[in-house]
Amino acid sequence: MRRILLTNDDGFAAPGLRAFADALTCLPDVEVTVVAPSLEQSAKSHAITLHTPMRIHEHAPRWFHVDGTPSDCAFIGINHILRDAPPDLVCSGINHGPNVGSDVLYSGTVAAAMEAALIGTRGVAFSLVRGKDFETAARRGARIVRALLDRPLSPGVVLNVNLPETAGSTGDAIAITRLGRRSYGSAVVERLDPRGKPYVWIGGFEANYERAGGTDCEAVFIEGKTSITPLTLDCTANDALPLLNDWIDSSELSDSSDLSEARGA
């Protein structure tokens, strides 16, 4: 029996989660446990709750929701609810909307899969780019999960999967991609509330993306394909290490006394 922990950031009642749970349950020799946020937690990134208590609610057999973030759900699911029978894979989604390019820095969906990898469990995040046909998206996603269970990746590698709008797409075609660059602009909307006090609102703007071959943006928005992007926990900019070592070896940074003299000058 292979065990899957399923979570999301849209909340335990989200249609994408329910459709995915149904599709994954149909896989042979698979047991699915859902641990999802009680409320929508979109764009919470990798936030984890440390200073307030959380409650676990059992909605149905093997179906729980938690008063916390997606990362909380992955952590509690692995280390508490399934502590006696750890999952082989953590699936997050299916998110309502894309998580491509820089979205992965904000996405609670992706963060839950990353939290699994931090703990030592393999993780994969799924998002439906457009539309609401979660049933078709879930069947496509389940095929990817089946392949992952049969041929697992190395620990520390997280897959970010974006499924295109099903109508008129070539979503059965898969592109292995790198992260693109996506921007929501820099505008901040300022308005007045009913009592005349100002407030500001960010987000919700039309997103733009860089046109570049081989990216997740290009695959899903232009080619109508399912994109699979491998992500890693190591955020080190390795190309910058030689330059930084040169700073230490040859610059004033190597002698703290010079800094003291500069301040006194």
Protein backbone atom coordinates (compact mmCIF):
# COMPACT_ATOMS: atom_id res chain seq x y z
CA MET A 1 0.00 0.00 0.00
CA ARG A 2 1.36 3.39 -1.02
CA ARG A 3 0.21 6.40 0.96
CA ILE A 4 -0.53 9.87 -0.38
CA LEU A 5 -1.07 12.96 1.76
CA LEU A 6 -3.20 15.48 -0.13
CA THR A 7 -3.43 19.16 0.77
CA ASN A 8 -4.00 22.53 -0.93
CA ASP A 9 -4.24 26.27 -0.29
CA ASP A 10 -7.84 26.84 -1.46
CA GLY A 11 -9.34 25.12 1.58
CA PHE A 12 -10.76 21.69 2.34
CA ALA A 13 -14.05 22.37 0.50
CA ALA A 14 -12.40 23.47 -2.76
CA PRO A 15 -13.59 21.61 -5.87
CA GLY A 16 -10.03 21.05 -7.10
CA LEU A 17 -9.13 19.21 -3.91
CA ARG A 18 -12.22 17.04 -4.01
CA ALA A 19 -11.77 16.12 -7.67
CA PHE A 20 -8.13 15.26 -7.09
CA ALA A 21 -8.92 13.15 -4.03
CA ASP A 22 -11.43 11.15 -6.10
CA ALA A 23 -8.93 10.63 -8.95
CA LEU A 24 -6.07 9.61 -6.66
CA THR A 25 -8.30 7.17 -4.77
CA CYS A 26 -8.85 5.34 -8.06
CA LEU A 27 -5.15 4.57 -8.41
CA PRO A 28 -4.32 0.93 -7.58
CA ASP A 29 -2.85 0.12 -4.18
CA VAL A 30 -3.07 3.75 -3.01
CA GLU A 31 -4.44 5.17 0.23
CA VAL A 32 -5.25 8.90 0.29
CA THR A 33 -5.44 11.07 3.39
CA VAL A 34 -6.54 14.70 3.07
CA VAL A 35 -5.19 17.34 5.45
CA ALA A 36 -6.15 20.78 4.13
CA PRO A 37 -6.66 24.29 5.51
CA SER A 38 -10.03 25.07 7.05
CA LEU A 39 -10.17 28.34 5.08
CA GLU A 40 -8.60 29.62 1.88
CA GLN A 41 -4.90 30.32 2.34
CA SER A 42 -3.87 31.47 -1.13
CA ALA A 43 -0.61 33.44 -1.46
CA LYS A 44 0.46 32.53 2.08
CA SER A 45 3.74 31.19 0.67
CA HIS A 46 5.68 29.11 3.22
CA ALA A 47 4.16 30.70 6.32
CA ILE A 48 3.97 28.37 9.30
CA THR A 49 2.02 28.96 12.52
CA LEU A 50 4.22 29.17 15.61
CA HIS A 51 2.50 31.54 18.02
CA THR A 52 -1.17 30.56 18.00
CA PRO A 53 -2.81 27.16 18.63
CA MET A 54 -4.36 25.20 15.79
CA ARG A 55 -7.24 22.74 15.83
CA ILE A 56 -7.59 19.61 13.75
CA HIS A 57 -11.12 18.84 12.56
CA GLU A 58 -12.10 15.42 11.17
CA HIS A 59 -14.52 16.16 8.34
CA ALA A 60 -14.84 12.53 7.20
CA PRO A 61 -12.75 9.35 7.47
CA ARG A 62 -9.19 10.15 6.34
CA TRP A 63 -10.30 13.74 5.61
CA PHE A 64 -9.10 16.45 8.00
CA HIS A 65 -8.92 20.23 7.98
CA VAL A 66 -6.64 22.39 10.08
CA ASP A 67 -6.89 26.01 11.26
CA GLY A 68 -3.58 26.84 9.63
CA THR A 69 -1.59 27.36 6.46
CA PRO A 70 -0.78 24.85 3.70
CA SER A 71 2.69 24.35 5.20
CA ASP A 72 1.07 23.71 8.59
CA CYS A 73 -1.11 21.05 6.97
CA ALA A 74 1.85 19.28 5.38
CA PHE A 75 3.79 19.41 8.66
CA ILE A 76 0.88 18.18 10.80
CA GLY A 77 -0.13 15.56 8.25
CA ILE A 78 3.33 14.01 8.07
CA ASN A 79 4.45 14.42 11.67
CA HIS A 80 1.18 13.90 13.53
CA ILE A 81 -1.80 12.47 11.65
CA LEU A 82 0.29 10.00 9.61
CA ARG A 83 3.22 9.68 12.01
CA ASP A 84 2.71 5.91 12.38
CA ALA A 85 2.42 5.34 8.62
CA PRO A 86 4.27 8.17 6.81
CA PRO A 87 3.18 9.13 3.30
CA ASP A 88 5.20 8.14 0.26
CA LEU A 89 4.21 11.35 -1.50
CA VAL A 90 2.61 14.68 -0.63
CA CYS A 91 0.37 16.13 -3.35
CA SER A 92 -0.82 19.72 -3.17
CA GLY A 93 -3.73 21.02 -5.24
CA ILE A 94 -5.36 21.14 -7.60
CA ASN A 95 -5.04 24.91 -7.28
CA HIS A 96 -7.61 27.14 -8.97
CA GLY A 97 -5.32 29.24 -11.17
CA PRO A 98 -1.72 29.00 -12.36
CA ASN A 99 1.45 28.81 -10.32
CA VAL A 100 4.10 29.57 -12.92
CA GLY A 101 7.27 31.64 -12.85
CA SER A 102 7.55 33.89 -9.82
CA ASP A 103 4.16 32.64 -8.56
CA VAL A 104 6.03 29.83 -6.83
CA LEU A 105 7.50 32.35 -4.37
CA TYR A 106 4.01 33.31 -3.15
CA SER A 107 2.05 30.11 -3.66
CA GLY A 108 0.74 28.19 -0.68
CA THR A 109 0.15 25.27 -3.03
CA VAL A 110 3.83 25.02 -3.94
CA ALA A 111 4.92 25.75 -0.36
CA ALA A 112 3.07 22.71 0.99
CA ALA A 113 5.01 20.48 -1.42
CA MET A 114 8.24 22.25 -0.45
CA GLU A 115 7.48 21.71 3.24
CA ALA A 116 7.14 18.00 2.54
CA ALA A 117 10.57 18.02 0.91
CA LEU A 118 12.06 19.86 3.88
CA ILE A 119 10.77 17.10 6.15
CA GLY A 120 12.17 14.43 3.85
CA THR A 121 9.02 13.39 1.97
CA ARG A 122 8.65 13.83 -1.76
CA GLY A 123 6.25 16.58 -2.85
CA VAL A 124 4.44 17.68 -5.98
CA ALA A 125 2.16 20.70 -6.58
CA PHE A 126 -0.66 20.84 -9.14
CA SER A 127 -2.48 23.89 -10.55
CA LEU A 128 -5.20 24.32 -13.18
CA VAL A 129 -4.28 27.35 -15.26
CA ARG A 130 -7.74 28.27 -16.53
CA GLY A 131 -11.29 26.99 -16.33
CA LYS A 132 -13.01 24.81 -13.78
CA ASP A 133 -12.86 21.35 -15.31
CA PHE A 134 -11.12 19.88 -12.30
CA GLU A 135 -12.28 16.34 -13.09
CA THR A 136 -10.28 16.20 -16.34
CA ALA A 137 -7.35 17.99 -14.71
CA ALA A 138 -7.44 15.52 -11.82
CA ARG A 139 -7.29 12.53 -14.15
CA ARG A 140 -4.27 14.04 -15.90
CA GLY A 141 -2.67 14.81 -12.57
CA ALA A 142 -3.28 11.29 -11.29
CA ARG A 143 -1.33 9.86 -14.22
CA ILE A 144 1.65 12.00 -13.22
CA VAL A 145 1.30 10.85 -9.61
CA ARG A 146 1.23 7.22 -10.70
CA ALA A 147 4.50 7.75 -12.59
CA LEU A 148 6.03 9.44 -9.54
CA LEU A 149 5.07 6.56 -7.28
CA ASP A 150 6.55 4.06 -9.71
CA ARG A 151 9.72 6.05 -10.42
CA PRO A 152 10.28 8.48 -7.54
CA LEU A 153 12.63 11.43 -7.82
CA SER A 154 15.53 12.15 -5.50
CA PRO A 155 14.66 13.62 -2.09
CA GLY A 156 14.72 17.41 -2.11
CA VAL A 157 13.30 17.74 -5.63
CA VAL A 158 9.76 19.15 -5.83
CA LEU A 159 7.70 19.08 -9.00
CA ASN A 160 5.51 22.03 -9.92
CA VAL A 161 2.83 20.93 -12.39
CA ASN A 162 0.59 23.36 -14.28
CA LEU A 163 -2.33 21.87 -16.17
CA PRO A 164 -3.76 23.99 -19.02
CA GLU A 165 -7.40 24.77 -19.61
CA THR A 166 -8.85 21.49 -20.77
CA ALA A 167 -11.12 22.78 -23.53
CA GLY A 168 -9.23 23.02 -26.81
CA SER A 169 -5.84 22.35 -25.20
CA THR A 170 -3.13 19.82 -25.85
CA GLY A 171 -2.93 19.16 -22.13
CA ASP A 172 -2.12 15.50 -22.65
CA ALA A 173 1.17 16.72 -24.12
CA ILE A 174 3.75 17.38 -21.42
CA ALA A 175 6.65 19.82 -21.47
CA ILE A 176 9.52 19.62 -19.00
CA THR A 177 10.24 23.25 -18.29
CA ARG A 178 12.17 25.80 -16.28
CA LEU A 179 10.57 28.64 -14.35
CA GLY A 180 9.55 31.61 -16.45
CA ARG A 181 9.30 35.22 -15.35
CA ARG A 182 5.85 36.54 -14.50
CA SER A 183 4.94 40.02 -13.29
CA TYR A 184 1.75 41.52 -11.87
CA GLY A 185 2.95 45.11 -12.17
CA SER A 186 3.69 47.55 -9.37
CA ALA A 187 0.43 49.50 -9.00
CA VAL A 188 -1.09 50.04 -5.56
CA VAL A 189 -4.76 51.08 -5.55
CA GLU A 190 -5.70 53.59 -2.86
CA ARG A 191 -9.34 54.11 -1.93
CA LEU A 192 -11.52 55.35 0.90
CA ASP A 193 -13.60 53.11 3.13
CA PRO A 194 -17.22 54.05 4.07
CA ARG A 195 -15.89 56.11 6.99
CA GLY A 196 -13.59 58.15 4.78
CA LYS A 197 -10.36 56.49 5.86
CA PRO A 198 -7.85 55.48 3.18
CA TYR A 199 -6.84 51.89 2.47
CA VAL A 200 -4.67 50.28 -0.17
CA TRP A 201 -5.09 47.13 -2.24
CA ILE A 202 -2.43 45.19 -4.11
CA GLY A 203 -2.77 42.17 -6.36
CA GLY A 204 -5.42 41.10 -8.81
CA PHE A 205 -3.80 42.86 -11.76
CA GLU A 206 -3.43 41.34 -15.21
CA ALA A 207 -0.24 39.29 -15.21
CA ASN A 208 2.41 39.57 -17.90
CA TYR A 209 5.10 37.05 -18.64
CA GLU A 210 8.35 36.99 -20.52
CA ARG A 211 8.19 35.26 -23.89
CA ALA A 212 11.01 32.75 -23.69
CA GLY A 213 11.23 29.20 -24.96
CA GLY A 214 11.45 26.33 -22.53
CA THR A 215 9.55 28.02 -19.68
CA ASP A 216 6.43 26.98 -17.86
CA CYS A 217 4.71 30.21 -18.97
CA GLU A 218 5.36 29.46 -22.63
CA ALA A 219 4.23 25.84 -22.29
CA VAL A 220 0.86 26.49 -20.66
CA PHE A 221 -0.13 29.89 -22.08
CA ILE A 222 1.15 29.56 -25.66
CA GLU A 223 1.48 25.85 -26.37
CA GLY A 224 -1.46 24.64 -24.24
CA LYS A 225 0.66 21.89 -22.69
CA THR A 226 1.03 20.56 -19.18
CA SER A 227 4.26 21.92 -17.73
CA ILE A 228 6.37 20.05 -15.20
CA THR A 229 9.08 22.11 -13.55
CA PRO A 230 11.53 20.54 -11.08
CA LEU A 231 12.28 22.80 -8.10
CA THR A 232 15.00 22.47 -5.50
CA LEU A 233 15.27 23.49 -1.87
CA ASP A 234 18.78 24.86 -2.37
CA CYS A 235 18.41 28.57 -3.12
CA THR A 236 22.17 29.20 -3.22
CA ALA A 237 23.33 31.37 -6.13
CA ASN A 238 26.34 29.18 -6.87
CA ASP A 239 27.54 31.41 -9.72
CA ALA A 240 28.06 34.23 -7.20
CA LEU A 241 30.28 32.23 -4.83
CA PRO A 242 33.59 32.87 -6.69
CA LEU A 243 32.93 36.61 -6.77
CA LEU A 244 32.09 36.72 -3.07
CA ASN A 245 35.24 34.76 -2.25
CA ASP A 246 37.23 37.31 -4.26
CA TRP A 247 35.68 40.04 -2.13
CA ILE A 248 36.87 38.33 1.02
CA ASP A 249 40.34 37.58 -0.34
CA SER A 250 41.16 40.87 -2.03
CA SER A 251 39.01 43.67 -0.65
CA GLU A 252 38.67 45.66 2.53
CA LEU A 253 36.18 43.09 3.80
CA SER A 254 39.14 40.89 4.75
CA ASP A 255 40.42 43.38 7.35
CA SER A 256 37.93 44.58 9.96
CA SER A 257 40.35 47.21 11.20
CA ASP A 258 40.07 49.07 7.92
CA LEU A 259 36.33 49.39 8.50
CA SER A 260 36.96 50.94 11.90
CA GLU A 261 39.40 53.40 10.38
CA ALA A 262 36.90 54.29 7.64
CA ARG A 263 34.21 55.04 10.21
CA GLY A 264 36.59 57.29 12.12
CA ALA A 265 37.71 59.22 9.05
